[in-house]
C-alpha cells in the first residue's frame, strides 16, 4: 500500500498534523479494504517523525455510516471469511486506539455502528452540528458496537440506543460531555486543527507516553493506575524533552522539543 494513494482514505500532512479523511462515497461505509487501509494508515502514522497528532474525519455528509449492508445482501461467506472480516474490523478500531499519536475524531456526520466504534477509539472528539451517533444494528439484522458505545455513554443510554436504533445528535453529545465542542460544519476541521496544533506544540514523547498511560490505566484500580502513571513519569524524566521542558519553564522561554 501507498499511504498517499489509498482507495478509501485521503492522507494530508502539514505542520506535524496528519488529517485522515475516510472517503468511500456516498456514506463512507466500511468494507474489507477500508478496514485494512485504516489499520495501515494508523500504523504508518505511528512511525512518522513528521506527525505528532492525527485528525480523523469523513468526506461528505457522513463520518462512517457503518458496514456496507448492500454488499452483504445475499452474500455467501466462504469458511473463515466472516471471522476474518470481523477480525479485520476489530483491528481497524484498535489501530486508532493504539496509534502512538493522539487521534482527534472530527465527527462531520453520521457515525453509526462501525463508525461509532471508530469514533469511540479516538482520544478527543469534536462534533459538527450535523453529526449523529447511533447503533442501528437491531434494524438491519446485525449486532456489535455496544462495548465501544460504553466508552462514551452510560448504561441506560447504550441499551436504549441498541434496542431502539435511536441516534444522538451533536448538540446532545456536547450536552452529555461526550464531545469537546459542537460547531457549525464549516468550523469543524478548523476547530480540530486548532486543538491538534496545541497538542503538537508539546513534546511528542510526552504525548505518546500520556496516551499509552491513559489506554492502560482505564481498567486498572486507582492504586495500580496511579503507580503505572508514576512509572511513565520516571521514563519521561530520563528524556531530553523532559529536561528541556523544565529548563524552558525556569528560564521563562518557549521549549524546543527534539523528540528524544
Protein backbone atom coordinates (compact mmCIF):
# COMPACT_ATOMS: atom_id res chain seq x y z
CA UNK A 1 0.00 0.00 0.00
CA UNK A 2 0.98 3.63 -0.53
CA UNK A 3 -0.01 5.93 2.34
CA UNK A 4 -0.80 8.77 -0.05
CA UNK A 5 -2.57 6.66 -2.67
CA UNK A 6 -5.20 4.70 -0.76
CA UNK A 7 -8.60 3.79 -2.22
CA UNK A 8 -10.86 4.74 0.69
CA UNK A 9 -8.75 7.22 2.69
CA UNK A 10 -7.02 10.51 1.94
CA UNK A 11 -3.96 11.47 3.98
CA UNK A 12 -2.60 15.01 4.28
CA UNK A 13 0.32 16.02 6.49
CA UNK A 14 1.15 19.61 7.42
CA UNK A 15 2.64 21.31 10.48
CA UNK A 16 3.10 17.98 12.32
CA UNK A 17 -0.62 17.16 11.93
CA UNK A 18 -1.94 14.33 9.73
CA UNK A 19 -5.53 14.59 8.53
CA UNK A 20 -7.05 11.23 7.62
CA UNK A 21 -10.31 11.51 5.66
CA UNK A 22 -12.47 8.42 5.20
CA UNK A 23 -13.51 8.54 1.54
CA UNK A 24 -15.90 5.83 0.38
CA UNK A 25 -18.95 7.63 -1.11
CA UNK A 26 -21.77 8.02 -0.57
CA UNK A 27 -21.68 7.33 3.20
CA UNK A 28 -18.12 6.07 3.84
CA UNK A 29 -19.38 2.57 4.62
CA UNK A 30 -16.80 0.14 5.97
CA UNK A 31 -15.66 -2.81 3.88
CA UNK A 32 -12.72 -5.23 3.92
CA UNK A 33 -10.42 -2.87 2.03
CA UNK A 34 -11.30 0.23 4.06
CA UNK A 35 -10.64 -1.69 7.27
CA UNK A 36 -7.20 -2.79 6.09
CA UNK A 37 -6.39 0.71 4.86
CA UNK A 38 -7.27 2.28 8.20
CA UNK A 39 -5.00 -0.19 10.00
CA UNK A 40 -2.19 0.55 7.55
CA UNK A 41 -2.64 4.32 7.81
CA UNK A 42 -2.61 4.38 11.60
CA UNK A 43 0.41 2.08 11.78
CA UNK A 44 2.32 4.25 9.29
CA UNK A 45 1.45 7.49 11.05
CA UNK A 46 2.52 5.94 14.36
CA UNK A 47 6.06 5.66 12.99
CA UNK A 48 6.41 9.02 11.21
CA UNK A 49 8.52 11.70 12.88
CA UNK A 50 6.73 14.43 10.87
CA UNK A 51 3.41 13.59 12.58
CA UNK A 52 2.58 14.37 16.20
CA UNK A 53 -1.22 14.43 16.06
CA UNK A 54 -3.82 12.80 13.80
CA UNK A 55 -7.23 14.20 12.85
CA UNK A 56 -9.72 11.55 11.66
CA UNK A 57 -12.82 12.68 9.78
CA UNK A 58 -15.15 11.69 6.95
CA UNK A 59 -15.81 13.00 3.46
CA UNK A 60 -19.17 14.47 2.54
CA UNK A 61 -22.26 14.01 4.70
CA UNK A 62 -21.14 11.01 6.76
CA UNK A 63 -18.26 10.15 9.05
CA UNK A 64 -18.82 6.40 8.59
CA UNK A 65 -22.36 5.05 8.35
CA UNK A 66 -21.34 1.53 9.40
CA UNK A 67 -20.62 -1.62 7.43
CA UNK A 68 -21.60 -1.86 3.77
CA UNK A 69 -25.00 -3.55 4.17
CA UNK A 70 -25.78 -3.57 0.43
CA UNK A 71 -22.65 -5.61 -0.24
CA UNK A 72 -23.82 -8.20 2.31
CA UNK A 73 -27.32 -8.79 0.96
CA UNK A 74 -27.36 -12.37 -0.33
CA UNK A 75 -23.62 -12.75 0.28
CA UNK A 76 -22.30 -16.29 0.66
CA UNK A 77 -19.44 -16.48 3.12
CA UNK A 78 -16.69 -19.00 2.49
CA UNK A 79 -15.41 -20.87 5.57
CA UNK A 80 -13.41 -18.46 7.71
CA UNK A 81 -14.32 -15.40 5.64
CA UNK A 82 -16.81 -13.93 8.10
CA UNK A 83 -14.42 -14.42 11.02
CA UNK A 84 -11.59 -12.83 9.06
CA UNK A 85 -13.81 -9.85 8.25
CA UNK A 86 -14.70 -9.46 11.92
CA UNK A 87 -11.05 -9.73 12.95
CA UNK A 88 -10.12 -7.05 10.44
CA UNK A 89 -12.91 -4.81 11.75
CA UNK A 90 -11.71 -5.21 15.34
CA UNK A 91 -8.15 -4.40 14.38
CA UNK A 92 -9.21 -1.31 12.44
CA UNK A 93 -10.75 0.15 15.60
CA UNK A 94 -7.79 -0.90 17.74
CA UNK A 95 -5.40 0.69 15.26
CA UNK A 96 -6.93 4.07 16.10
CA UNK A 97 -6.79 3.45 19.82
CA UNK A 98 -3.26 2.06 19.62
CA UNK A 99 -1.88 4.71 17.26
CA UNK A 100 1.11 6.17 19.11
CA UNK A 101 -0.08 9.68 18.22
CA UNK A 102 -3.15 11.32 19.79
CA UNK A 103 -6.16 11.00 17.45
CA UNK A 104 -8.81 13.72 17.29
CA UNK A 105 -12.12 12.49 15.90
CA UNK A 106 -13.80 15.25 13.89
CA UNK A 107 -17.34 13.87 13.52
CA UNK A 108 -18.72 15.55 10.41
CA UNK A 109 -21.89 13.47 10.00
CA UNK A 110 -23.38 10.07 10.75
CA UNK A 111 -21.15 7.73 12.78
CA UNK A 112 -23.20 4.56 13.01
CA UNK A 113 -22.30 1.05 14.13
CA UNK A 114 -18.74 0.58 12.89
CA UNK A 115 -18.49 4.36 12.63
CA UNK A 116 -19.35 4.67 16.31
CA UNK A 117 -16.61 2.14 17.12
CA UNK A 118 -14.08 4.24 15.21
CA UNK A 119 -15.23 7.39 17.00
CA UNK A 120 -15.04 5.69 20.41
CA UNK A 121 -11.45 4.65 19.65
CA UNK A 122 -10.32 8.27 19.19
CA UNK A 123 -8.73 10.23 22.04
CA UNK A 124 -10.58 13.55 21.70
CA UNK A 125 -13.89 14.20 19.97
CA UNK A 126 -15.28 17.29 18.27
CA UNK A 127 -18.69 17.21 16.57
CA UNK A 128 -20.32 19.11 13.78
CA UNK A 129 -23.90 20.21 14.28
CA UNK A 130 -24.64 17.69 11.50
CA UNK A 131 -23.13 14.80 13.47
CA UNK A 132 -25.18 11.87 14.75
CA UNK A 133 -24.03 8.72 16.57
CA UNK A 134 -26.04 5.54 16.76
CA UNK A 135 -26.24 1.74 16.88
CA UNK A 136 -28.68 0.78 14.10
CA UNK A 137 -27.67 -2.90 14.11
CA UNK A 138 -31.02 -4.05 15.51
CA UNK A 139 -32.73 -2.63 12.41
CA UNK A 140 -30.53 -4.49 9.90
CA UNK A 141 -30.09 -7.90 11.50
CA UNK A 142 -26.66 -7.32 12.99
CA UNK A 143 -25.04 -6.83 16.38
CA UNK A 144 -21.93 -5.07 17.61
CA UNK A 145 -20.63 -1.72 18.75
CA UNK A 146 -22.15 -1.83 22.23
CA UNK A 147 -18.85 -2.27 24.05
CA UNK A 148 -17.40 0.67 22.18
CA UNK A 149 -20.51 2.72 22.93
CA UNK A 150 -19.93 2.02 26.63
CA UNK A 151 -16.72 4.05 26.31
CA UNK A 152 -18.92 7.06 25.59
CA UNK A 153 -22.39 6.58 27.07
CA UNK A 154 -23.95 5.39 30.31
CA UNK A 155 -25.69 2.03 30.80
CA UNK A 156 -29.25 3.09 30.02
CA UNK A 157 -28.17 5.21 27.05
CA UNK A 158 -26.33 2.32 25.43
CA UNK A 159 -29.19 -0.13 25.94
CA UNK A 160 -31.75 2.30 24.59
CA UNK A 161 -29.62 3.03 21.54
CA UNK A 162 -29.02 -0.67 20.86
CA UNK A 163 -32.62 -1.79 21.39
CA UNK A 164 -34.31 1.06 19.54
CA UNK A 165 -31.76 2.19 16.96
CA UNK A 166 -32.09 5.76 18.28
CA UNK A 167 -29.39 8.25 17.31
CA UNK A 168 -27.78 11.03 19.34
CA UNK A 169 -27.04 14.32 17.59
CA UNK A 170 -24.09 16.65 18.01
CA UNK A 171 -25.74 19.09 20.38
CA UNK A 172 -26.82 16.28 22.69
CA UNK A 173 -23.34 14.76 22.53
CA UNK A 174 -21.98 18.08 23.73
CA UNK A 175 -24.62 18.37 26.47
CA UNK A 176 -23.67 14.90 27.70
CA UNK A 177 -19.98 15.83 27.76
CA UNK A 178 -19.07 13.22 25.13
CA UNK A 179 -17.54 15.73 22.70
CA UNK A 180 -15.40 18.78 23.47
CA UNK A 181 -17.40 21.06 21.18
CA UNK A 182 -20.31 21.07 18.75
CA UNK A 183 -19.69 23.56 15.97
CA UNK A 184 -21.18 24.51 12.59
CA UNK A 185 -19.98 22.18 9.81
CA UNK A 186 -17.65 24.76 8.29
CA UNK A 187 -15.89 25.23 11.64
CA UNK A 188 -15.31 21.52 12.36
CA UNK A 189 -11.90 21.00 10.77
CA UNK A 190 -10.51 24.41 11.81
CA UNK A 191 -11.56 23.66 15.40
CA UNK A 192 -10.00 20.19 15.28
CA UNK A 193 -6.85 21.59 13.71
CA UNK A 194 -6.52 24.28 16.38
CA UNK A 195 -6.68 21.55 19.03
CA UNK A 196 -4.15 19.45 17.11
CA UNK A 197 -1.70 22.37 16.82
CA UNK A 198 -1.89 22.92 20.58
CA UNK A 199 -1.05 19.28 21.24
CA UNK A 200 1.69 19.18 18.59
CA UNK A 201 3.47 22.05 20.33
CA UNK A 202 4.25 19.78 23.29
CA UNK A 203 6.93 17.10 23.46
CA UNK A 204 5.95 14.22 21.14
CA UNK A 205 7.41 11.78 23.66
CA UNK A 206 5.27 13.21 26.45
CA UNK A 207 2.14 12.96 24.29
CA UNK A 208 2.91 9.37 23.30
CA UNK A 209 3.58 8.25 26.87
CA UNK A 210 0.47 10.10 28.07
CA UNK A 211 -1.70 8.28 25.53
CA UNK A 212 -0.09 4.94 26.35
CA UNK A 213 -0.71 5.58 30.02
CA UNK A 214 -4.34 6.60 29.51
CA UNK A 215 -5.02 3.49 27.42
CA UNK A 216 -3.54 1.19 30.04
CA UNK A 217 -4.98 2.68 33.23
CA UNK A 218 -8.63 2.80 32.12
CA UNK A 219 -9.36 -0.66 33.50
CA UNK A 220 -6.98 -0.52 36.47
CA UNK A 221 -7.69 0.24 40.11
CA UNK A 222 -6.79 3.68 41.48
CA UNK A 223 -3.68 2.30 43.15
CA UNK A 224 -2.42 0.32 40.16
CA UNK A 225 -3.35 3.05 37.70
CA UNK A 226 -1.51 5.78 39.54
CA UNK A 227 1.50 3.51 40.04
CA UNK A 228 1.58 2.93 36.28
CA UNK A 229 1.49 6.70 35.68
CA UNK A 230 4.40 7.13 38.08
CA UNK A 231 6.43 4.59 36.10
CA UNK A 232 5.69 6.56 32.93
CA UNK A 233 6.83 9.72 34.73
CA UNK A 234 10.15 8.05 35.53
CA UNK A 235 10.58 7.06 31.88
CA UNK A 236 9.69 10.52 30.62
CA UNK A 237 12.01 12.19 33.12
CA UNK A 238 15.01 10.49 31.50
CA UNK A 239 14.38 12.10 28.10
CA UNK A 240 15.97 15.22 26.61
CA UNK A 241 12.50 16.67 26.04
CA UNK A 242 11.62 16.46 29.75
CA UNK A 243 14.86 18.20 30.73
CA UNK A 244 14.27 20.86 28.08
CA UNK A 245 10.70 21.45 29.34
CA UNK A 246 11.98 22.09 32.87
CA UNK A 247 14.81 24.37 31.68
CA UNK A 248 12.42 26.36 29.50
CA UNK A 249 9.97 26.74 32.39
CA UNK A 250 12.66 28.02 34.75
CA UNK A 251 14.11 30.31 32.07
CA UNK A 252 10.66 31.62 31.10
CA UNK A 253 11.03 30.80 27.40
CA UNK A 254 9.27 28.52 24.91
CA UNK A 255 10.68 24.97 24.91
CA UNK A 256 12.33 23.45 21.85
CA UNK A 257 11.49 19.75 21.67
CA UNK A 258 13.53 17.26 19.66
CA UNK A 259 11.55 14.07 20.29
CA UNK A 260 14.28 12.35 22.32
